[in-house]
Amino acid sequence: MMKLCPDKIVMRSRPLFKSSRGFSAAAALAIFGASYLPATDAAPARSGNPAFPGWYADPEGAVFGKQFWIFPTFSAPYGEQTFFDAFSSPDLVTWTKHHDILGTNAVSWARRAMWAPSVVEKGGRYYFFFGANDIQNDRQTGGIGVAVADRPEGPYKDFLGKPLIDRFHNGAQPIDQFAFQDQDGKYYLIYGGWRHCNIVSLQDDFRGLGAFEDGTVFKEITPQGYVEGPFMFIRNGKYYLMWSEGGWTGPNYSVAYAVADSLLGPFKRIGKILQQDPAVATGAGHHSVIRLPGKDTCYIVYHRRPLGETDGNHRVVCIDRMEFDEQGLIKPVKITFEGVEPIRP
């Protein structure tokens, strides 16, 4: 049984730090965002960035009921990435940490490099897709798995007892999975590293993969410039496929997107919308998008590296607004220290 340890976190838009714990005000601002204070009854004006303290990356944002959720990768050396934490909030500002909701102790075939969660609710249960072991060839054990729980915060248990995808197809490393529900209600996984992006159809019970009309199971939909970290959404009948490009340890890691008229493309590259700001942070990438239910209000949830940090694993999760122009193109995102104002789902 995994121990769930919720910790309430409030981020404020005004820095207030003391150096008695080894942090200068500047260092604390860079690592923990605008401020990190014990929870109080007073609501903060903005979330501050990072949204919550700690080294985390590859965040997936979601809305379940009246709560926002963020499911990130624990950002550490691969051998230490043996569990997932989650964070919940009623307003994108006050976050509660749920520790160790899934780990290698619940997945017999996973031993390291547990990455990039994607969580969906179906039939009253929560399905947690994840990557594990960072396999480099088809002879190694690992790939993309799925776990299940009765609550978003878990605890989750392995659903299949084996990976769902454990081989390279079309050159795509089986990592960075995103569970996508199309307009007809059907679910797909969009995934892939090593500069290749695949889409697969999920069986209704999530226990296996289906085939497309032409009989293929793994369809490649790689857009120009793609590296890893896909994310898809639909807006006004258009399919937006987003991804990360550049090296994840470097300052130029960034997010770009393409648009198509159908799920399978072809996708036309539009350009980058999220990247470093030398005055704020570097390595801004591997994102997701939270869209308020029934509205056209969007937030981009992403990781970035604080200024002055040289360790590739020193990444933090941030939230900023994502907006569209009159033509439906995504406006370049301004990364901030202030974050977002409180809002309810």
Protein backbone atom coordinates (compact mmCIF):
# COMPACT_ATOMS: atom_id res chain seq x y z
CA MET A 1 0.00 0.00 0.00
CA MET A 2 1.40 3.35 -1.03
CA LYS A 3 1.25 6.14 1.50
CA LEU A 4 -0.51 9.26 0.30
CA CYS A 5 0.89 12.43 1.85
CA PRO A 6 -1.05 15.55 0.87
CA ASP A 7 0.71 18.82 1.60
CA LYS A 8 -1.02 22.14 1.08
CA ILE A 9 1.01 24.68 -0.88
CA VAL A 10 0.19 28.32 -1.49
CA MET A 11 2.18 30.36 -3.99
CA ARG A 12 2.08 34.14 -3.74
CA SER A 13 2.94 36.83 -6.23
CA ARG A 14 5.07 38.84 -3.79
CA PRO A 15 8.46 37.40 -2.81
CA LEU A 16 9.14 37.00 0.90
CA PHE A 17 12.28 35.00 1.74
CA LYS A 18 14.87 34.81 4.45
CA SER A 19 18.38 33.49 3.91
CA SER A 20 18.54 31.54 7.19
CA ARG A 21 17.76 28.27 5.40
CA GLY A 22 20.52 28.65 2.87
CA PHE A 23 18.60 30.44 0.11
CA SER A 24 19.18 33.99 -0.94
CA ALA A 25 16.08 35.86 -2.02
CA ALA A 26 17.20 35.64 -5.64
CA ALA A 27 17.91 31.91 -5.44
CA ALA A 28 14.61 31.19 -3.74
CA LEU A 29 12.75 33.21 -6.36
CA ALA A 30 14.47 31.29 -9.15
CA ILE A 31 13.84 27.87 -7.66
CA PHE A 32 10.48 28.19 -5.95
CA GLY A 33 8.87 31.01 -7.91
CA ALA A 34 7.39 34.23 -6.66
CA SER A 35 7.05 32.89 -3.13
CA TYR A 36 6.46 29.78 -1.07
CA LEU A 37 4.56 30.32 2.18
CA PRO A 38 2.54 28.17 4.58
CA ALA A 39 -1.14 28.00 3.72
CA THR A 40 -3.30 30.80 5.08
CA ASP A 41 -6.91 31.83 4.73
CA ALA A 42 -6.01 34.78 2.52
CA ALA A 43 -6.23 33.95 -1.18
CA PRO A 44 -3.13 34.89 -3.19
CA ALA A 45 -3.56 37.32 -6.04
CA ARG A 46 -1.71 35.13 -8.56
CA SER A 47 -0.20 31.67 -8.64
CA GLY A 48 3.42 32.66 -9.06
CA ASN A 49 5.81 30.53 -11.12
CA PRO A 50 6.81 27.83 -10.46
CA ALA A 51 3.30 26.74 -9.52
CA PHE A 52 4.65 24.59 -6.67
CA PRO A 53 8.12 23.84 -5.28
CA GLY A 54 10.33 20.93 -6.24
CA TRP A 55 12.10 19.59 -9.30
CA TYR A 56 9.41 18.35 -11.68
CA ALA A 57 8.97 18.18 -15.46
CA ASP A 58 6.70 16.97 -18.30
CA PRO A 59 3.49 18.12 -16.58
CA GLU A 60 0.06 17.05 -17.72
CA GLY A 61 -2.76 19.31 -16.60
CA ALA A 62 -6.33 18.06 -16.27
CA VAL A 63 -9.72 18.95 -14.82
CA PHE A 64 -11.59 16.30 -12.86
CA GLY A 65 -14.80 17.53 -11.27
CA LYS A 66 -14.15 20.77 -9.42
CA GLN A 67 -10.38 20.31 -9.18
CA PHE A 68 -7.44 21.08 -11.41
CA TRP A 69 -4.74 18.42 -11.46
CA ILE A 70 -1.12 18.35 -12.55
CA PHE A 71 0.66 15.03 -13.04
CA PRO A 72 4.40 15.61 -13.60
CA THR A 73 7.59 13.60 -13.93
CA PHE A 74 9.84 13.69 -10.87
CA SER A 75 12.90 15.42 -12.32
CA ALA A 76 15.98 13.54 -11.13
CA PRO A 77 18.59 11.09 -12.48
CA TYR A 78 16.86 8.19 -14.25
CA GLY A 79 17.62 5.73 -11.46
CA GLU A 80 15.78 7.94 -8.97
CA GLN A 81 12.67 8.35 -11.14
CA THR A 82 10.82 5.49 -9.50
CA PHE A 83 7.55 7.19 -8.51
CA PHE A 84 5.07 9.88 -9.45
CA ASP A 85 3.64 12.70 -7.35
CA ALA A 86 0.50 14.62 -8.26
CA PHE A 87 -0.84 18.06 -7.38
CA SER A 88 -4.46 19.23 -7.07
CA SER A 89 -5.97 22.70 -6.82
CA PRO A 90 -9.41 24.29 -6.69
CA ASP A 91 -8.17 27.47 -8.39
CA LEU A 92 -4.73 27.01 -10.10
CA VAL A 93 -3.17 28.86 -7.16
CA THR A 94 -3.42 26.76 -4.00
CA TRP A 95 -1.92 23.32 -4.65
CA THR A 96 -2.06 20.13 -2.59
CA LYS A 97 0.71 17.58 -3.11
CA HIS A 98 -0.18 13.87 -3.30
CA HIS A 99 3.02 11.90 -2.85
CA ASP A 100 3.91 8.59 -4.53
CA ILE A 101 0.61 7.87 -6.26
CA LEU A 102 2.31 5.30 -8.52
CA GLY A 103 5.77 3.77 -8.41
CA THR A 104 7.92 0.82 -9.33
CA ASN A 105 6.62 -1.01 -6.26
CA ALA A 106 3.26 -1.27 -8.06
CA VAL A 107 4.60 -2.02 -11.56
CA SER A 108 6.63 -5.24 -11.72
CA TRP A 109 8.28 -4.49 -15.08
CA ALA A 110 9.24 -0.85 -14.33
CA ARG A 111 12.54 -0.10 -12.62
CA ARG A 112 13.59 3.46 -13.60
CA ALA A 113 12.85 6.50 -15.77
CA MET A 114 9.14 6.75 -15.04
CA TRP A 115 8.07 9.63 -17.27
CA ALA A 116 5.36 11.91 -18.64
CA PRO A 117 2.00 10.85 -17.15
CA SER A 118 -1.26 11.18 -19.05
CA VAL A 119 -4.43 10.60 -17.05
CA VAL A 120 -8.04 10.22 -18.22
CA GLU A 121 -11.30 9.36 -16.48
CA LYS A 122 -13.47 6.68 -18.06
CA GLY A 123 -16.40 4.88 -16.51
CA GLY A 124 -15.69 6.31 -13.07
CA ARG A 125 -12.10 5.05 -13.00
CA TYR A 126 -8.85 6.89 -13.67
CA TYR A 127 -6.33 5.52 -16.17
CA PHE A 128 -2.74 6.64 -15.81
CA PHE A 129 -0.56 6.16 -18.89
CA PHE A 130 3.19 6.42 -18.30
CA GLY A 131 6.57 5.57 -19.75
CA ALA A 132 9.21 3.52 -17.94
CA ASN A 133 12.80 2.28 -18.31
CA ASP A 134 13.80 4.48 -21.30
CA ILE A 135 14.32 1.48 -23.56
CA GLN A 136 16.87 1.91 -26.35
CA ASN A 137 15.95 -1.12 -28.46
CA ASP A 138 13.36 -3.89 -28.77
CA ARG A 139 15.41 -6.32 -26.68
CA GLN A 140 14.98 -4.28 -23.51
CA THR A 141 11.99 -4.43 -21.17
CA GLY A 142 9.91 -1.29 -20.83
CA GLY A 143 7.91 1.20 -22.83
CA ILE A 144 4.43 2.62 -22.25
CA GLY A 145 2.23 1.22 -19.50
CA VAL A 146 -1.15 1.98 -17.95
CA ALA A 147 -2.25 1.94 -14.33
CA VAL A 148 -5.71 2.35 -12.83
CA ALA A 149 -7.28 3.81 -9.68
CA ASP A 150 -10.66 4.84 -8.33
CA ARG A 151 -9.53 8.41 -7.59
CA PRO A 152 -7.26 10.88 -9.41
CA GLU A 153 -4.82 10.83 -6.48
CA GLY A 154 -4.62 7.04 -6.52
CA PRO A 155 -3.11 4.88 -5.31
CA TYR A 156 -2.72 3.39 -8.80
CA LYS A 157 -1.98 -0.22 -9.65
CA ASP A 158 -0.65 -1.71 -12.86
CA PHE A 159 -3.58 -2.42 -15.17
CA LEU A 160 -2.01 -4.96 -17.52
CA GLY A 161 0.99 -6.47 -15.73
CA LYS A 162 3.08 -5.63 -18.80
CA PRO A 163 3.70 -2.65 -21.10
CA LEU A 164 0.95 -1.64 -23.49
CA ILE A 165 3.57 -0.64 -26.09
CA ASP A 166 7.00 -2.23 -25.70
CA ARG A 167 8.60 -1.93 -29.14
CA PHE A 168 9.82 0.73 -31.56
CA HIS A 169 7.41 1.34 -34.45
CA ASN A 170 8.10 3.76 -37.30
CA GLY A 171 11.28 4.75 -35.44
CA ALA A 172 9.38 6.13 -32.43
CA GLN A 173 10.76 5.38 -28.98
CA PRO A 174 7.79 4.31 -26.79
CA ILE A 175 7.75 7.33 -24.44
CA ASP A 176 5.84 10.59 -23.98
CA GLN A 177 2.33 9.20 -24.39
CA PHE A 178 -0.70 11.47 -24.50
CA ALA A 179 -4.21 9.99 -24.16
CA PHE A 180 -6.55 11.86 -26.50
CA GLN A 181 -10.33 11.61 -26.79
CA ASP A 182 -11.71 12.46 -30.23
CA GLN A 183 -15.04 14.15 -30.89
CA ASP A 184 -16.80 10.79 -31.23
CA GLY A 185 -15.64 9.74 -27.76
CA LYS A 186 -13.01 7.26 -28.92
CA TYR A 187 -9.58 7.29 -27.25
CA TYR A 188 -6.17 7.26 -28.87
CA LEU A 189 -2.57 7.42 -27.70
CA ILE A 190 -0.26 9.89 -29.39
CA TYR A 191 3.35 9.23 -28.45
CA GLY A 192 6.96 9.01 -29.44
CA GLY A 193 10.52 10.08 -28.93
CA TRP A 194 13.55 10.08 -31.22
CA ARG A 195 11.87 12.56 -33.63
CA HIS A 196 8.98 10.26 -34.58
CA CYS A 197 5.34 10.64 -33.54
CA ASN A 198 2.82 7.78 -33.74
CA ILE A 199 -0.89 7.53 -33.08
CA VAL A 200 -2.62 4.31 -32.01
CA SER A 201 -6.24 3.48 -31.37
CA LEU A 202 -7.06 2.22 -27.88
CA GLN A 203 -9.49 -0.61 -27.31
CA ASP A 204 -12.57 0.43 -25.36
CA ASP A 205 -11.31 -1.30 -22.22
CA PHE A 206 -7.77 0.16 -22.58
CA ARG A 207 -6.33 -3.36 -22.45
CA GLY A 208 -4.91 -3.29 -25.96
CA LEU A 209 -4.65 -1.51 -29.28
CA GLY A 210 -7.07 -1.52 -32.18
CA ALA A 211 -6.47 -1.16 -35.90
CA PHE A 212 -7.34 1.70 -38.21
CA GLU A 213 -9.59 1.20 -41.24
CA ASP A 214 -6.63 0.26 -43.45
CA GLY A 215 -5.54 -2.44 -41.00
CA THR A 216 -2.50 -0.63 -39.61
CA VAL A 217 -2.02 -0.30 -35.85
CA PHE A 218 0.80 2.25 -35.61
CA LYS A 219 0.34 5.32 -37.81
CA GLU A 220 3.09 7.90 -38.05
CA ILE A 221 1.92 11.53 -38.00
CA THR A 222 5.29 13.22 -37.40
CA PRO A 223 5.13 16.96 -38.18
CA GLN A 224 8.09 19.05 -39.32
CA GLY A 225 10.53 19.70 -36.47
CA TYR A 226 9.01 17.18 -34.07
CA VAL A 227 11.27 15.74 -31.34
CA GLU A 228 9.07 14.50 -28.43
CA GLY A 229 6.28 15.35 -25.98
CA PRO A 230 3.13 15.44 -28.16
CA PHE A 231 -0.14 17.03 -27.09
CA MET A 232 -3.36 17.41 -29.11
CA PHE A 233 -6.61 19.34 -28.78
CA ILE A 234 -9.50 20.35 -31.04
CA ARG A 235 -10.65 23.91 -31.50
CA ASN A 236 -13.29 25.09 -33.99
CA GLY A 237 -13.03 21.83 -35.91
CA LYS A 238 -9.24 21.99 -36.29
CA TYR A 239 -6.79 19.51 -34.77
CA TYR A 240 -3.84 21.19 -33.06
CA LEU A 241 -0.81 18.92 -32.62
CA MET A 242 1.81 20.37 -30.29
CA TRP A 243 5.24 19.01 -29.34
CA SER A 244 8.66 19.86 -27.93
CA GLU A 245 11.79 20.36 -29.97
CA GLY A 246 15.44 20.96 -29.19
CA GLY A 247 17.40 19.13 -26.50
CA TRP A 248 15.66 18.78 -23.14
CA THR A 249 18.83 19.57 -21.18
CA GLY A 250 19.59 22.73 -23.14
CA PRO A 251 18.31 26.32 -23.06
CA ASN A 252 16.62 26.08 -26.47
CA TYR A 253 14.06 23.44 -25.58
CA SER A 254 10.76 24.82 -26.86
CA VAL A 255 7.18 24.08 -27.97
CA ALA A 256 5.87 24.26 -31.53
CA TYR A 257 2.62 23.23 -33.18
CA ALA A 258 0.90 22.23 -36.39
CA VAL A 259 -2.73 22.16 -37.53
CA ALA A 260 -4.80 19.69 -39.55
CA ASP A 261 -8.40 19.12 -40.57
CA SER A 262 -8.45 15.54 -39.32
CA LEU A 263 -7.04 13.36 -36.56
CA LEU A 264 -4.50 11.71 -38.83
CA GLY A 265 -3.33 14.85 -40.58
CA PRO A 266 -1.48 15.80 -42.62
CA PHE A 267 -0.34 18.41 -40.11
CA LYS A 268 0.97 21.74 -41.35
CA ARG A 269 3.62 23.28 -39.13
CA ILE A 270 2.80 26.79 -37.92
CA GLY A 271 5.74 27.59 -35.63
CA LYS A 272 7.01 27.94 -32.08
CA ILE A 273 4.81 29.37 -29.34
CA LEU A 274 6.80 28.69 -26.15
CA GLN A 275 10.52 29.17 -25.61
CA GLN A 276 13.09 30.60 -23.23
CA ASP A 277 13.18 34.19 -22.07
CA PRO A 278 16.74 35.10 -20.96
CA ALA A 279 15.25 37.41 -18.34
CA VAL A 280 13.00 34.73 -16.82
CA ALA A 281 14.07 31.11 -17.49
CA THR A 282 15.48 28.73 -20.08
CA GLY A 283 14.46 25.37 -21.52
CA ALA A 284 10.71 26.02 -21.60
CA GLY A 285 9.03 22.92 -22.99
CA HIS A 286 7.22 19.59 -22.62
CA HIS A 287 3.84 21.06 -21.93
CA SER A 288 0.14 20.37 -21.78
CA VAL A 289 -2.93 22.59 -22.07
CA ILE A 290 -5.73 23.04 -19.55
CA ARG A 291 -8.95 24.25 -21.13
CA LEU A 292 -11.76 25.40 -18.85
CA PRO A 293 -14.79 23.14 -19.38
CA GLY A 294 -17.28 24.72 -21.77
CA LYS A 295 -15.09 27.76 -22.37
CA ASP A 296 -12.34 28.92 -24.71
CA THR A 297 -10.00 29.86 -21.86
CA CYS A 298 -6.69 28.00 -22.03
CA TYR A 299 -3.62 27.67 -19.82
CA ILE A 300 -0.30 26.17 -20.83
CA VAL A 301 1.37 24.00 -18.19
CA TYR A 302 5.06 23.42 -18.87
CA HIS A 303 8.46 22.99 -17.31
CA ARG A 304 11.44 25.32 -17.49
CA ARG A 305 14.89 25.71 -15.95
CA PRO A 306 15.56 28.57 -13.51
CA LEU A 307 18.24 31.04 -14.54
CA GLY A 308 21.69 29.99 -13.40
CA GLU A 309 20.82 26.30 -13.12
CA THR A 310 23.16 24.02 -15.07
CA ASP A 311 21.89 20.63 -13.87
CA GLY A 312 19.66 19.23 -16.61
CA ASN A 313 17.29 17.77 -14.03
CA HIS A 314 16.67 21.08 -12.30
CA ARG A 315 13.29 21.79 -13.87
CA VAL A 316 10.16 23.34 -12.41
CA VAL A 317 6.47 23.36 -13.39
CA CYS A 318 4.88 26.66 -14.44
CA ILE A 319 1.51 27.90 -15.68
CA ASP A 320 0.78 30.80 -18.01
CA ARG A 321 -2.12 31.87 -20.24
CA MET A 322 -2.34 30.59 -23.79
CA GLU A 323 -4.41 32.67 -26.22
CA PHE A 324 -5.46 32.66 -29.88
CA ASP A 325 -5.66 35.37 -32.51
CA GLU A 326 -8.64 36.01 -34.78
CA GLN A 327 -7.39 33.45 -37.31
CA GLY A 328 -7.20 30.72 -34.68
CA LEU A 329 -3.42 30.77 -34.44
CA ILE A 330 -1.81 30.38 -31.03
CA LYS A 331 -0.20 33.58 -29.84
CA PRO A 332 3.39 33.33 -28.58
CA VAL A 333 3.27 32.65 -24.86
CA LYS A 334 4.99 35.09 -22.51
CA ILE A 335 6.58 33.13 -19.69
CA THR A 336 6.26 34.92 -16.37
CA PHE A 337 7.21 34.86 -12.72
CA GLU A 338 3.69 36.02 -11.78
CA GLY A 339 1.75 33.06 -13.18
CA VAL A 340 -2.03 33.19 -13.41
CA GLU A 341 -4.96 34.59 -11.46
CA PRO A 342 -7.15 32.22 -9.45
CA ILE A 343 -10.06 30.68 -11.33
CA ARG A 344 -12.45 27.79 -10.76
CA PRO A 345 -12.98 24.92 -13.25
